[in-house]
Amino acid sequence: MAAHTLTPDAFDRRLKPGHGLIAACSKIAATFREQADATRTRARLAQLTDRQLDDIGLCRADLQRIGRF
């Protein structure tokens, strides 16, 4: 049998970004934050007048598409 050597990163391999339960939970949380941000943005833009929306190059129909996945 060959002896296996332990490298310094042998134990923290599971904790690197993109792996494991922590990464999955952080991705889910980021998705919820992104959806909440899009909702707030749409709500704030909906408060603007048509003239203000026209000044920034948007119309009411564009607000429905902002932040959709």
C-alpha atoms as a PDB file:
ATOM      1  CA  MET A   1       0.000   0.000   0.000  1.00  0.00           C
ATOM      2  CA  ALA A   2       1.189   3.470  -0.801  1.00  0.00           C
ATOM      3  CA  ALA A   3       1.227   6.038   1.942  1.00  0.00           C
ATOM      4  CA  HIS A   4      -0.948   9.059   1.306  1.00  0.00           C
ATOM      5  CA  THR A   5       0.518  12.417   2.135  1.00  0.00           C
ATOM      6  CA  LEU A   6      -1.700  15.125   3.485  1.00  0.00           C
ATOM      7  CA  THR A   7      -1.335  18.466   1.830  1.00  0.00           C
ATOM      8  CA  PRO A   8      -2.244  21.703   3.629  1.00  0.00           C
ATOM      9  CA  ASP A   9      -5.364  22.139   1.496  1.00  0.00           C
ATOM     10  CA  ALA A  10      -6.567  18.561   1.917  1.00  0.00           C
ATOM     11  CA  PHE A  11      -9.020  19.526   4.635  1.00  0.00           C
ATOM     12  CA  ASP A  12     -10.234  22.937   3.476  1.00  0.00           C
ATOM     13  CA  ARG A  13     -11.128  21.760  -0.030  1.00  0.00           C
ATOM     14  CA  ARG A  14     -14.799  21.654   0.987  1.00  0.00           C
ATOM     15  CA  LEU A  15     -14.759  25.273   2.164  1.00  0.00           C
ATOM     16  CA  LYS A  16     -13.556  26.845  -1.065  1.00  0.00           C
ATOM     17  CA  PRO A  17     -16.024  29.063  -2.937  1.00  0.00           C
ATOM     18  CA  GLY A  18     -18.295  27.235  -5.320  1.00  0.00           C
ATOM     19  CA  HIS A  19     -18.455  24.011  -3.326  1.00  0.00           C
ATOM     20  CA  GLY A  20     -20.696  22.595  -0.673  1.00  0.00           C
ATOM     21  CA  LEU A  21     -23.704  23.638   1.285  1.00  0.00           C
ATOM     22  CA  ILE A  22     -22.379  27.062   2.264  1.00  0.00           C
ATOM     23  CA  ALA A  23     -21.876  28.043  -1.365  1.00  0.00           C
ATOM     24  CA  ALA A  24     -25.340  26.790  -2.317  1.00  0.00           C
ATOM     25  CA  CYS A  25     -26.931  28.771   0.513  1.00  0.00           C
ATOM     26  CA  SER A  26     -25.023  31.910  -0.437  1.00  0.00           C
ATOM     27  CA  LYS A  27     -26.160  31.557  -4.068  1.00  0.00           C
ATOM     28  CA  ILE A  28     -29.780  31.221  -2.958  1.00  0.00           C
ATOM     29  CA  ALA A  29     -29.461  34.235  -0.668  1.00  0.00           C
ATOM     30  CA  ALA A  30     -27.877  36.258  -3.479  1.00  0.00           C
ATOM     31  CA  THR A  31     -30.773  35.354  -5.772  1.00  0.00           C
ATOM     32  CA  PHE A  32     -33.313  36.550  -3.189  1.00  0.00           C
ATOM     33  CA  ARG A  33     -31.372  39.795  -2.661  1.00  0.00           C
ATOM     34  CA  GLU A  34     -31.232  40.363  -6.423  1.00  0.00           C
ATOM     35  CA  GLN A  35     -34.978  39.807  -6.788  1.00  0.00           C
ATOM     36  CA  ALA A  36     -35.702  42.156  -3.876  1.00  0.00           C
ATOM     37  CA  ASP A  37     -33.459  44.807  -5.407  1.00  0.00           C
ATOM     38  CA  ALA A  38     -35.237  44.502  -8.764  1.00  0.00           C
ATOM     39  CA  THR A  39     -38.601  44.821  -7.027  1.00  0.00           C
ATOM     40  CA  ARG A  40     -37.489  47.974  -5.206  1.00  0.00           C
ATOM     41  CA  THR A  41     -36.106  49.428  -8.436  1.00  0.00           C
ATOM     42  CA  ARG A  42     -39.372  48.802 -10.297  1.00  0.00           C
ATOM     43  CA  ALA A  43     -41.372  50.314  -7.434  1.00  0.00           C
ATOM     44  CA  ARG A  44     -39.226  53.446  -7.355  1.00  0.00           C
ATOM     45  CA  LEU A  45     -39.345  53.860 -11.132  1.00  0.00           C
ATOM     46  CA  ALA A  46     -43.133  53.410 -11.091  1.00  0.00           C
ATOM     47  CA  GLN A  47     -43.367  56.506  -8.873  1.00  0.00           C
ATOM     48  CA  LEU A  48     -41.824  58.692 -11.573  1.00  0.00           C
ATOM     49  CA  THR A  49     -43.971  60.691 -13.941  1.00  0.00           C
ATOM     50  CA  ASP A  50     -44.138  59.892 -17.649  1.00  0.00           C
ATOM     51  CA  ARG A  51     -42.057  62.987 -18.341  1.00  0.00           C
ATOM     52  CA  GLN A  52     -39.314  61.859 -15.949  1.00  0.00           C
ATOM     53  CA  LEU A  53     -39.310  58.373 -17.444  1.00  0.00           C
ATOM     54  CA  ASP A  54     -39.048  59.875 -20.924  1.00  0.00           C
ATOM     55  CA  ASP A  55     -36.068  61.956 -19.789  1.00  0.00           C
ATOM     56  CA  ILE A  56     -34.161  58.809 -18.834  1.00  0.00           C
ATOM     57  CA  GLY A  57     -35.289  56.937 -21.953  1.00  0.00           C
ATOM     58  CA  LEU A  58     -37.898  54.608 -20.467  1.00  0.00           C
ATOM     59  CA  CYS A  59     -41.628  54.128 -20.821  1.00  0.00           C
ATOM     60  CA  ARG A  60     -44.171  52.400 -18.570  1.00  0.00           C
ATOM     61  CA  ALA A  61     -43.920  49.165 -20.581  1.00  0.00           C
ATOM     62  CA  ASP A  62     -40.164  49.033 -19.935  1.00  0.00           C
ATOM     63  CA  LEU A  63     -40.755  48.901 -16.186  1.00  0.00           C
ATOM     64  CA  GLN A  64     -42.267  45.427 -16.464  1.00  0.00           C
ATOM     65  CA  ARG A  65     -39.080  44.093 -18.066  1.00  0.00           C
ATOM     66  CA  ILE A  66     -36.637  45.635 -15.607  1.00  0.00           C
ATOM     67  CA  GLY A  67     -35.141  43.005 -13.363  1.00  0.00           C
ATOM     68  CA  ARG A  68     -36.977  40.029 -14.831  1.00  0.00           C
ATOM     69  CA  PHE A  69     -35.026  36.800 -15.106  1.00  0.00           C
END
